[in-house]
Amino acid sequence: MAAAVESTPTASHLNPPPSYDLADHPVPTGREEIWRFTPLKRLRGILDGEPSTDRLTWTTELPAGVTLTEITAAEAVALGELGPNDRPSALAVANGGGAMLLDVPAELESDEPITLRLHGDSVDQLVWGHLVIRVGAFSKVTLVVSHTGSARYSAITSVLVGDGAQLNMLSLQDWDDDAVHLGRDAIQVGRDASVRHTAVSFGGDLVRLHANVEYAGPGGDAELLGLYFADAGQHLEHRLFADHNAPRTKSNVVYKGALQGEGAHAVWIGNVLIRKIAEGIETYEENRNLVLTDGCQADSVPNLEIETGEIEGAGHASAVGRFDDEQLFYLRSRGVSEPEARRLVVHGFFNDLVRKVGVPSLEEKLMATVEEELSKNVLKDLL
């Protein structure tokens, strides 16, 4: 019996339907709803679509049974990848010269994370990335994709998660200060499968990432998590879309960010589409921003598009705020210095999210990076 899935083009004002035709993705002017928060001039020509043979350097750690191979763009389409729905991802397919296929066999369970490390040498590099991740039915794996160095990088990633599989995926943006990164992680969750996708953004001059989820059958469960820390002049933009195109599916979105320094800008756009067929679903999206200094801006826009009332629950929350004066007063009244009090508040803000990463060594690294970011501005000014 075929799975109950609605596969007609997405009727969402924030997520155009997928198309490989560049004519369907014209060069934006900045007035479009999906581009109005992005400083287009800082993209350094990526949207012009110039072909390039530049590549990032890849190093990998693959558990036994997991393979990474080169395939053609046509083979990626034949595998059922999720097509591009914006100009950067369409350009990545058109100019990528093929794709990489990460293949996890069915029923594989590995305690060792799959690790892909991508490194750029210079912002003068223009790199197009195309990656397909196929996770076999009833497998259970953790995947870490990290980005370091510098480049102008535009990539499309399709994640196809088989029935009953469990995937824990972390995407880490730890670029140098001048890097530009446009990325789209499009995830298809199989029947009764579960996915946790965590996006962590610290580095780069401009980072604009999409995380999109849809379902290949009932019972799928997706958790979309994010952590970001914007410094002076940085633009970090995260856009989320959960397309409930099958009944009895779940999605939970939690993104948290901190901002410090003049011109630091964070953008979070969340959107959930609940189609008519999606009865009995549960969804919630949340974004919290902690402003640490003057001169920062955080834009946070949650959206719900609901086409049926036969659901278990749907909601959203969004907030932008400064340090909690009561928390600071409580700590100071007990002899804690102001720098240490502020450090503890920020650690508490991020701690519950970091502990969900599921890779202890990375959890420690992330908290150390938060500490390093704090020392650049807030704590330095107080010491």
Protein backbone atom coordinates (compact mmCIF):
# COMPACT_ATOMS: atom_id res chain seq x y z
CA MET A 1 0.00 0.00 0.00
CA ALA A 2 1.44 3.39 -0.98
CA ALA A 3 2.33 5.83 1.77
CA ALA A 4 -0.03 8.76 2.31
CA VAL A 5 1.99 11.69 1.00
CA GLU A 6 1.01 14.89 -0.76
CA SER A 7 3.61 15.55 -3.46
CA THR A 8 2.14 18.54 -5.30
CA PRO A 9 4.34 21.68 -5.45
CA THR A 10 4.66 23.51 -2.15
CA ALA A 11 2.05 26.24 -1.81
CA SER A 12 4.12 28.35 0.57
CA HIS A 13 4.85 32.04 0.15
CA LEU A 14 8.27 31.59 1.76
CA ASN A 15 9.39 28.44 -0.07
CA PRO A 16 9.06 28.38 -3.86
CA PRO A 17 8.50 25.00 -5.53
CA PRO A 18 11.66 23.13 -6.58
CA SER A 19 12.99 23.55 -10.10
CA TYR A 20 16.29 22.84 -11.86
CA ASP A 21 15.53 25.56 -14.41
CA LEU A 22 17.48 28.73 -13.58
CA ALA A 23 14.79 30.76 -15.34
CA ASP A 24 12.53 29.87 -12.40
CA HIS A 25 15.07 31.44 -10.01
CA PRO A 26 15.87 34.93 -11.32
CA VAL A 27 18.62 37.05 -9.81
CA PRO A 28 17.05 38.67 -6.71
CA THR A 29 16.83 42.41 -6.24
CA GLY A 30 16.51 42.31 -2.46
CA ARG A 31 12.85 43.33 -2.54
CA GLU A 32 11.62 39.72 -2.62
CA GLU A 33 10.22 38.36 0.62
CA ILE A 34 12.76 35.53 0.73
CA TRP A 35 15.71 37.88 0.15
CA ARG A 36 14.79 41.10 1.95
CA PHE A 37 16.98 40.42 5.01
CA THR A 38 20.09 39.39 3.05
CA PRO A 39 22.73 42.02 2.11
CA LEU A 40 23.13 40.97 -1.53
CA LYS A 41 26.26 43.05 -2.20
CA ARG A 42 28.15 41.00 0.37
CA LEU A 43 27.53 37.78 -1.60
CA ARG A 44 30.50 38.74 -3.81
CA GLY A 45 29.03 37.65 -7.11
CA ILE A 46 27.77 34.20 -6.13
CA LEU A 47 24.31 34.88 -7.53
CA ASP A 48 25.78 35.76 -10.94
CA GLY A 49 26.42 32.04 -11.36
CA GLU A 50 29.93 32.14 -12.82
CA PRO A 51 31.20 28.58 -13.53
CA SER A 52 34.24 27.50 -11.52
CA THR A 53 36.43 24.45 -11.16
CA ASP A 54 37.55 25.36 -7.64
CA ARG A 55 36.95 22.75 -4.98
CA LEU A 56 37.09 22.58 -1.21
CA THR A 57 39.51 20.11 0.33
CA TRP A 58 37.69 17.10 1.78
CA THR A 59 38.91 14.83 4.55
CA THR A 60 36.66 12.05 5.79
CA GLU A 61 36.20 9.48 8.50
CA LEU A 62 33.84 6.75 7.31
CA PRO A 63 32.77 3.79 9.47
CA ALA A 64 32.91 0.36 7.86
CA GLY A 65 30.19 -0.05 5.24
CA VAL A 66 29.72 3.69 4.56
CA THR A 67 30.90 4.88 1.14
CA LEU A 68 31.53 8.25 -0.50
CA THR A 69 31.57 8.26 -4.31
CA GLU A 70 31.27 10.72 -7.19
CA ILE A 71 28.10 10.62 -9.30
CA THR A 72 26.69 12.76 -12.07
CA ALA A 73 24.01 15.38 -11.54
CA ALA A 74 21.63 13.20 -13.55
CA GLU A 75 22.31 10.24 -11.25
CA ALA A 76 21.57 12.47 -8.25
CA VAL A 77 18.19 13.34 -9.75
CA ALA A 78 17.50 9.63 -10.44
CA LEU A 79 18.18 8.83 -6.77
CA GLY A 80 15.27 11.08 -5.86
CA GLU A 81 17.19 14.03 -4.45
CA LEU A 82 15.13 17.03 -3.36
CA GLY A 83 15.40 19.62 -6.11
CA PRO A 84 16.63 23.21 -5.64
CA ASN A 85 14.05 25.81 -4.65
CA ASP A 86 16.22 28.94 -4.78
CA ARG A 87 18.86 30.40 -7.06
CA PRO A 88 21.98 29.47 -5.04
CA SER A 89 21.03 25.79 -4.82
CA ALA A 90 20.01 25.67 -8.50
CA LEU A 91 23.37 27.18 -9.43
CA ALA A 92 25.13 24.60 -7.26
CA VAL A 93 23.53 21.81 -9.30
CA ALA A 94 24.16 23.52 -12.64
CA ASN A 95 27.80 24.39 -11.91
CA GLY A 96 28.83 21.62 -9.54
CA GLY A 97 30.14 19.27 -12.21
CA GLY A 98 28.41 16.31 -10.56
CA ALA A 99 27.67 15.34 -6.98
CA MET A 100 29.10 13.37 -4.10
CA LEU A 101 27.01 10.46 -2.79
CA LEU A 102 27.37 9.46 0.84
CA ASP A 103 25.74 6.05 1.16
CA VAL A 104 24.78 4.43 4.46
CA PRO A 105 23.59 0.83 3.98
CA ALA A 106 20.34 -0.42 5.44
CA GLU A 107 20.36 -1.64 9.05
CA LEU A 108 23.84 -0.26 9.75
CA GLU A 109 24.30 0.91 13.34
CA SER A 110 27.50 2.74 14.17
CA ASP A 111 28.74 4.35 17.37
CA GLU A 112 31.49 6.03 15.33
CA PRO A 113 30.35 9.30 13.71
CA ILE A 114 30.60 9.78 9.96
CA THR A 115 32.77 12.89 9.55
CA LEU A 116 33.14 15.12 6.49
CA ARG A 117 35.56 18.03 6.84
CA LEU A 118 35.41 20.66 4.10
CA HIS A 119 38.11 23.34 3.97
CA GLY A 120 38.61 26.36 1.73
CA ASP A 121 41.92 28.11 1.08
CA SER A 122 40.82 31.62 0.06
CA VAL A 123 37.78 33.82 -0.37
CA ASP A 124 38.93 34.18 -3.98
CA GLN A 125 37.74 30.59 -4.48
CA LEU A 126 34.21 30.25 -5.89
CA VAL A 127 33.03 26.74 -5.07
CA TRP A 128 29.82 24.96 -6.00
CA GLY A 129 28.85 21.99 -3.82
CA HIS A 130 26.39 19.17 -4.51
CA LEU A 131 25.97 16.37 -1.97
CA VAL A 132 23.43 13.55 -1.70
CA ILE A 133 23.20 11.61 1.56
CA ARG A 134 21.29 8.33 1.43
CA VAL A 135 20.57 6.71 4.78
CA GLY A 136 19.31 3.14 4.43
CA ALA A 137 16.20 1.79 6.14
CA PHE A 138 16.51 0.96 9.84
CA SER A 139 20.08 2.26 10.09
CA LYS A 140 21.25 4.41 13.00
CA VAL A 141 24.12 6.86 12.45
CA THR A 142 25.58 10.24 13.37
CA LEU A 143 26.94 12.54 10.65
CA VAL A 144 29.14 15.61 11.20
CA VAL A 145 29.80 18.03 8.32
CA SER A 146 32.23 20.84 9.22
CA HIS A 147 33.27 23.88 7.17
CA THR A 148 36.54 25.71 7.86
CA GLY A 149 38.95 28.05 6.11
CA SER A 150 37.67 30.55 3.58
CA ALA A 151 35.80 30.50 0.26
CA ARG A 152 32.72 31.74 -1.50
CA TYR A 153 30.70 28.55 -1.21
CA SER A 154 27.21 27.71 -2.44
CA ALA A 155 25.95 24.18 -1.84
CA ILE A 156 22.89 21.97 -2.05
CA THR A 157 22.59 18.88 0.14
CA SER A 158 19.79 16.32 -0.13
CA VAL A 159 19.33 13.93 2.77
CA LEU A 160 17.18 10.88 2.01
CA VAL A 161 16.37 9.00 5.21
CA GLY A 162 14.92 5.52 4.78
CA ASP A 163 11.97 4.02 6.64
CA GLY A 164 12.64 3.40 10.32
CA ALA A 165 16.12 4.95 10.18
CA GLN A 166 17.61 7.29 12.80
CA LEU A 167 19.94 10.08 11.71
CA ASN A 168 21.69 12.61 13.94
CA MET A 169 23.28 15.25 11.64
CA LEU A 170 25.39 18.24 12.64
CA SER A 171 26.40 21.01 10.23
CA LEU A 172 29.17 23.22 11.65
CA GLN A 173 30.10 26.59 10.11
CA ASP A 174 33.46 27.57 11.60
CA TRP A 175 34.74 29.64 8.68
CA ASP A 176 37.35 32.38 8.69
CA ASP A 177 36.05 35.93 9.03
CA ASP A 178 35.86 36.67 5.27
CA ALA A 179 34.02 33.55 4.05
CA VAL A 180 30.61 33.58 2.32
CA HIS A 181 28.44 30.46 2.59
CA LEU A 182 25.02 29.83 1.05
CA GLY A 183 23.68 26.38 1.84
CA ARG A 184 20.53 24.29 1.64
CA ASP A 185 20.03 21.03 3.56
CA ALA A 186 16.83 19.42 2.26
CA ILE A 187 15.75 16.37 4.25
CA GLN A 188 13.20 13.71 3.37
CA VAL A 189 12.11 11.67 6.39
CA GLY A 190 10.94 8.13 5.73
CA ARG A 191 7.99 6.35 7.32
CA ASP A 192 8.53 6.06 11.09
CA ALA A 193 12.06 7.49 10.71
CA SER A 194 13.59 10.14 12.95
CA VAL A 195 16.04 12.92 12.13
CA ARG A 196 17.86 15.43 14.30
CA HIS A 197 19.52 18.19 12.29
CA THR A 198 21.67 20.71 14.16
CA ALA A 199 23.13 23.80 12.45
CA VAL A 200 25.91 25.62 14.30
CA SER A 201 27.23 28.91 12.89
CA PHE A 202 30.13 30.84 14.38
CA GLY A 203 32.41 31.94 11.54
CA GLY A 204 32.12 33.68 8.19
CA ASP A 205 31.36 37.17 6.98
CA LEU A 206 27.95 36.11 5.64
CA VAL A 207 26.30 32.74 6.18
CA ARG A 208 22.79 32.02 4.86
CA LEU A 209 21.49 28.50 5.46
CA HIS A 210 18.25 26.65 4.77
CA ALA A 211 17.11 23.50 6.55
CA ASN A 212 14.02 22.02 4.86
CA VAL A 213 12.11 18.90 5.91
CA GLU A 214 9.43 16.87 4.18
CA TYR A 215 8.09 13.38 4.75
CA ALA A 216 8.01 10.20 2.63
CA GLY A 217 5.30 8.63 4.78
CA PRO A 218 3.42 8.77 8.09
CA GLY A 219 5.18 8.58 11.44
CA GLY A 220 8.26 10.62 10.56
CA ASP A 221 9.81 12.76 13.30
CA ALA A 222 12.14 15.72 12.63
CA GLU A 223 13.99 17.85 15.18
CA LEU A 224 15.70 20.95 13.79
CA LEU A 225 18.13 22.61 16.18
CA GLY A 226 20.42 25.59 15.74
CA LEU A 227 23.03 27.60 17.61
CA TYR A 228 24.74 30.76 16.36
CA PHE A 229 26.94 33.55 17.70
CA ALA A 230 27.20 36.72 15.59
CA ASP A 231 30.13 39.09 16.11
CA ALA A 232 30.68 42.64 14.87
CA GLY A 233 29.80 42.95 11.20
CA GLN A 234 28.72 39.34 10.79
CA HIS A 235 25.48 38.37 9.04
CA LEU A 236 24.16 34.95 10.08
CA GLU A 237 20.85 33.92 8.53
CA HIS A 238 18.97 30.67 9.14
CA ARG A 239 15.77 29.75 7.33
CA LEU A 240 13.68 26.72 8.34
CA PHE A 241 10.83 24.99 6.56
CA ALA A 242 8.87 21.96 7.76
CA ASP A 243 6.48 20.69 5.09
CA HIS A 244 3.98 18.36 6.74
CA ASN A 245 2.90 16.53 3.61
CA ALA A 246 1.97 13.29 5.38
CA PRO A 247 -0.28 12.47 8.37
CA ARG A 248 0.90 11.68 11.91
CA THR A 249 4.27 13.38 11.47
CA LYS A 250 6.17 15.57 13.93
CA SER A 251 8.54 18.52 13.76
CA ASN A 252 10.22 20.48 16.53
CA VAL A 253 12.41 23.52 15.83
CA VAL A 254 14.61 25.22 18.44
CA TYR A 255 17.22 27.82 17.43
CA LYS A 256 19.18 29.99 19.85
CA GLY A 257 21.61 32.78 19.06
CA ALA A 258 23.73 35.43 20.72
CA LEU A 259 24.91 38.71 19.20
CA GLN A 260 27.68 41.12 20.14
CA GLY A 261 29.53 43.97 18.49
CA GLU A 262 28.61 46.80 16.14
CA GLY A 263 26.71 45.62 13.09
CA ALA A 264 26.20 42.02 14.20
CA HIS A 265 23.06 40.79 12.47
CA ALA A 266 21.16 37.53 12.95
CA VAL A 267 18.12 36.48 10.94
CA TRP A 268 15.87 33.53 11.71
CA ILE A 269 12.88 32.70 9.49
CA GLY A 270 10.79 29.71 10.54
CA ASN A 271 7.93 28.32 8.52
CA VAL A 272 5.67 25.30 8.91
CA LEU A 273 3.20 24.21 6.24
CA ILE A 274 0.48 21.83 7.40
CA ARG A 275 -1.25 20.44 4.33
CA LYS A 276 -4.81 19.13 4.17
CA ILE A 277 -3.58 15.53 4.21
CA ALA A 278 -1.46 16.10 7.33
CA GLU A 279 -3.99 15.10 9.98
CA GLY A 280 -2.75 14.21 13.43
CA ILE A 281 0.56 16.06 13.17
CA GLU A 282 2.45 17.88 15.92
CA THR A 283 4.73 20.85 15.35
CA TYR A 284 6.40 23.61 17.32
CA GLU A 285 9.03 26.20 16.39
CA GLU A 286 11.02 28.42 18.73
CA ASN A 287 13.73 31.03 18.33
CA ARG A 288 15.51 32.91 21.12
CA ASN A 289 18.11 35.66 20.70
CA LEU A 290 20.34 37.09 23.40
CA VAL A 291 21.70 40.58 22.62
CA LEU A 292 24.94 41.13 24.49
CA THR A 293 25.98 44.64 23.39
CA ASP A 294 24.60 47.72 21.69
CA GLY A 295 24.71 47.97 17.90
CA CYS A 296 23.26 44.50 17.14
CA GLN A 297 20.13 43.52 15.26
CA ALA A 298 18.18 40.27 15.42
CA ASP A 299 15.23 39.57 13.12
CA SER A 300 13.06 36.63 14.14
CA VAL A 301 9.98 35.70 12.10
CA PRO A 302 7.99 32.50 12.83
CA ASN A 303 5.23 31.43 10.43
CA LEU A 304 2.50 28.80 10.39
CA GLU A 305 0.48 27.91 7.29
CA ILE A 306 -2.36 25.57 8.25
CA GLU A 307 -4.71 23.88 5.80
CA THR A 308 -6.41 21.45 8.21
CA GLY A 309 -7.68 21.72 11.76
CA GLU A 310 -7.36 17.99 12.42
CA ILE A 311 -4.00 18.24 14.18
CA GLU A 312 -2.58 17.34 17.58
CA GLY A 313 -0.87 20.68 18.08
CA ALA A 314 0.92 23.58 16.41
CA GLY A 315 2.63 26.62 17.88
CA HIS A 316 5.58 28.95 17.81
CA ALA A 317 7.57 31.34 20.01
CA SER A 318 10.10 34.04 19.25
CA ALA A 319 12.05 36.45 21.44
CA VAL A 320 14.89 38.96 21.28
CA GLY A 321 16.22 40.24 24.59
CA ARG A 322 19.19 41.38 26.64
CA PHE A 323 20.72 39.82 29.73
CA ASP A 324 18.19 38.95 32.39
CA ASP A 325 18.77 41.61 35.06
CA GLU A 326 17.24 39.41 37.74
CA GLN A 327 19.64 36.56 36.96
CA LEU A 328 22.60 38.94 37.02
CA PHE A 329 21.42 40.51 40.30
CA TYR A 330 20.97 37.06 41.88
CA LEU A 331 24.49 36.00 40.95
CA ARG A 332 26.10 39.32 41.89
CA SER A 333 24.34 39.28 45.27
CA ARG A 334 26.08 35.97 45.99
CA GLY A 335 29.52 37.31 45.34
CA VAL A 336 29.89 36.36 41.69
CA SER A 337 31.80 38.96 39.67
CA GLU A 338 30.02 40.64 36.76
CA PRO A 339 32.17 38.99 34.03
CA GLU A 340 31.64 35.57 35.59
CA ALA A 341 27.92 36.25 36.06
CA ARG A 342 27.52 37.16 32.40
CA ARG A 343 29.51 34.08 31.38
CA LEU A 344 27.24 31.85 33.46
CA VAL A 345 24.08 33.39 31.99
CA VAL A 346 25.28 32.81 28.42
CA HIS A 347 26.40 29.27 29.21
CA GLY A 348 22.99 28.55 30.70
CA PHE A 349 21.30 30.03 27.63
CA PHE A 350 23.09 27.61 25.28
CA ASN A 351 23.73 24.62 27.53
CA ASP A 352 20.49 22.64 27.05
CA LEU A 353 20.76 22.96 23.28
CA VAL A 354 24.43 21.95 23.13
CA ARG A 355 23.72 18.85 25.22
CA LYS A 356 21.38 17.61 22.49
CA VAL A 357 24.16 17.38 19.91
CA GLY A 358 24.83 13.80 20.95
CA VAL A 359 28.60 13.84 20.31
CA PRO A 360 30.41 14.51 23.63
CA SER A 361 33.66 15.73 22.07
CA LEU A 362 31.75 18.21 19.90
CA GLU A 363 29.63 19.37 22.82
CA GLU A 364 32.80 20.30 24.68
CA LYS A 365 34.19 22.06 21.61
CA LEU A 366 31.01 24.07 21.12
CA MET A 367 30.96 25.33 24.70
CA ALA A 368 34.66 26.22 24.39
CA THR A 369 33.87 28.16 21.22
CA VAL A 370 31.07 30.03 23.01
CA GLU A 371 33.61 30.95 25.68
CA GLU A 372 36.05 32.14 23.02
CA GLU A 373 33.37 34.25 21.34
CA LEU A 374 32.47 35.86 24.66
CA SER A 375 36.07 36.80 25.30
CA LYS A 376 36.19 38.79 22.06
CA ASN A 377 33.86 41.50 23.25
CA VAL A 378 31.58 41.25 26.26
CA LEU A 379 33.94 39.83 28.82
CA LYS A 380 36.98 41.66 27.46
CA ASP A 381 35.23 45.01 28.02
CA LEU A 382 34.45 44.09 31.60
CA LEU A 383 37.84 42.77 32.64
